[in-house]
């Protein structure tokens, strides 16, 4: 099982700075029981949501 960091910080730090990064403990693939392929596929699917996720006002959902 691979220990690739798929935390929000790791995902969004690739290619641009993440202004909302937290000091959360990284979530490891071994913790989830996911294969590397499953993690890569999931990340690729979620990247299409990045623009909406980072849109102004979306931080309100952090408080739910």
C-alpha atoms as a PDB file:
ATOM      1  CA  UNK A   1       0.000   0.000   0.000  1.00  0.00           C
ATOM      2  CA  UNK A   2       1.372   3.393  -0.961  1.00  0.00           C
ATOM      3  CA  UNK A   3       1.674   6.350   1.417  1.00  0.00           C
ATOM      4  CA  UNK A   4       0.948   9.119  -1.064  1.00  0.00           C
ATOM      5  CA  UNK A   5      -0.296  12.326   0.517  1.00  0.00           C
ATOM      6  CA  UNK A   6      -3.757  13.161  -0.864  1.00  0.00           C
ATOM      7  CA  UNK A   7      -4.528  15.860   1.669  1.00  0.00           C
ATOM      8  CA  UNK A   8      -6.136  19.074   0.492  1.00  0.00           C
ATOM      9  CA  UNK A   9      -2.785  20.821   0.914  1.00  0.00           C
ATOM     10  CA  UNK A  10      -0.962  18.332  -1.281  1.00  0.00           C
ATOM     11  CA  UNK A  11      -3.646  18.279  -3.964  1.00  0.00           C
ATOM     12  CA  UNK A  12      -4.018  22.039  -4.301  1.00  0.00           C
ATOM     13  CA  UNK A  13      -0.360  22.950  -3.816  1.00  0.00           C
ATOM     14  CA  UNK A  14       0.579  21.435  -7.161  1.00  0.00           C
ATOM     15  CA  UNK A  15       1.009  24.289  -9.611  1.00  0.00           C
ATOM     16  CA  UNK A  16      -0.254  27.142  -7.437  1.00  0.00           C
ATOM     17  CA  UNK A  17      -0.180  28.275  -3.837  1.00  0.00           C
ATOM     18  CA  UNK A  18      -3.062  27.328  -1.578  1.00  0.00           C
ATOM     19  CA  UNK A  19      -4.065  30.261   0.588  1.00  0.00           C
ATOM     20  CA  UNK A  20      -6.474  28.175   2.676  1.00  0.00           C
ATOM     21  CA  UNK A  21      -4.103  25.344   3.618  1.00  0.00           C
ATOM     22  CA  UNK A  22      -4.539  24.093   7.141  1.00  0.00           C
ATOM     23  CA  UNK A  23      -2.189  22.281   9.494  1.00  0.00           C
ATOM     24  CA  UNK A  24      -4.278  19.096   9.278  1.00  0.00           C
ATOM     25  CA  UNK A  25      -2.569  15.736   9.438  1.00  0.00           C
ATOM     26  CA  UNK A  26      -2.093  14.332   5.922  1.00  0.00           C
ATOM     27  CA  UNK A  27      -4.534  11.632   4.871  1.00  0.00           C
ATOM     28  CA  UNK A  28      -2.612   8.642   3.546  1.00  0.00           C
ATOM     29  CA  UNK A  29      -3.810   6.057   1.044  1.00  0.00           C
ATOM     30  CA  UNK A  30      -2.995   3.328   3.544  1.00  0.00           C
ATOM     31  CA  UNK A  31      -5.433   4.968   5.975  1.00  0.00           C
ATOM     32  CA  UNK A  32      -8.213   4.751   3.384  1.00  0.00           C
ATOM     33  CA  UNK A  33      -7.402   1.335   1.994  1.00  0.00           C
ATOM     34  CA  UNK A  34      -7.271   2.813  -1.535  1.00  0.00           C
ATOM     35  CA  UNK A  35      -4.922   1.750  -4.310  1.00  0.00           C
ATOM     36  CA  UNK A  36      -2.761   4.326  -6.047  1.00  0.00           C
ATOM     37  CA  UNK A  37      -4.968   3.962  -9.140  1.00  0.00           C
ATOM     38  CA  UNK A  38      -8.144   4.634  -7.137  1.00  0.00           C
ATOM     39  CA  UNK A  39      -6.628   7.761  -5.609  1.00  0.00           C
ATOM     40  CA  UNK A  40      -5.420   9.067  -8.968  1.00  0.00           C
ATOM     41  CA  UNK A  41      -8.810   8.462 -10.588  1.00  0.00           C
ATOM     42  CA  UNK A  42     -10.640  10.168  -7.716  1.00  0.00           C
ATOM     43  CA  UNK A  43      -8.277  13.145  -7.802  1.00  0.00           C
ATOM     44  CA  UNK A  44      -8.714  13.493 -11.575  1.00  0.00           C
ATOM     45  CA  UNK A  45     -12.517  13.487 -11.197  1.00  0.00           C
ATOM     46  CA  UNK A  46     -12.445  16.091  -8.421  1.00  0.00           C
ATOM     47  CA  UNK A  47     -10.119  18.456 -10.289  1.00  0.00           C
ATOM     48  CA  UNK A  48     -13.032  19.424 -12.536  1.00  0.00           C
ATOM     49  CA  UNK A  49     -14.694  20.952  -9.445  1.00  0.00           C
ATOM     50  CA  UNK A  50     -11.707  23.071  -8.410  1.00  0.00           C
ATOM     51  CA  UNK A  51     -12.883  26.321 -10.026  1.00  0.00           C
ATOM     52  CA  UNK A  52     -16.271  26.141  -8.288  1.00  0.00           C
ATOM     53  CA  UNK A  53     -14.687  25.014  -5.002  1.00  0.00           C
ATOM     54  CA  UNK A  54     -12.321  27.997  -4.965  1.00  0.00           C
ATOM     55  CA  UNK A  55     -14.971  30.550  -6.044  1.00  0.00           C
ATOM     56  CA  UNK A  56     -15.554  33.570  -3.796  1.00  0.00           C
ATOM     57  CA  UNK A  57     -18.120  32.856  -1.097  1.00  0.00           C
ATOM     58  CA  UNK A  58     -17.570  29.101  -1.013  1.00  0.00           C
ATOM     59  CA  UNK A  59     -15.746  29.374   2.318  1.00  0.00           C
ATOM     60  CA  UNK A  60     -19.205  29.644   3.900  1.00  0.00           C
ATOM     61  CA  UNK A  61     -19.563  25.896   3.386  1.00  0.00           C
ATOM     62  CA  UNK A  62     -16.536  25.308   5.647  1.00  0.00           C
ATOM     63  CA  UNK A  63     -18.707  26.326   8.600  1.00  0.00           C
ATOM     64  CA  UNK A  64     -21.483  23.785   7.970  1.00  0.00           C
END
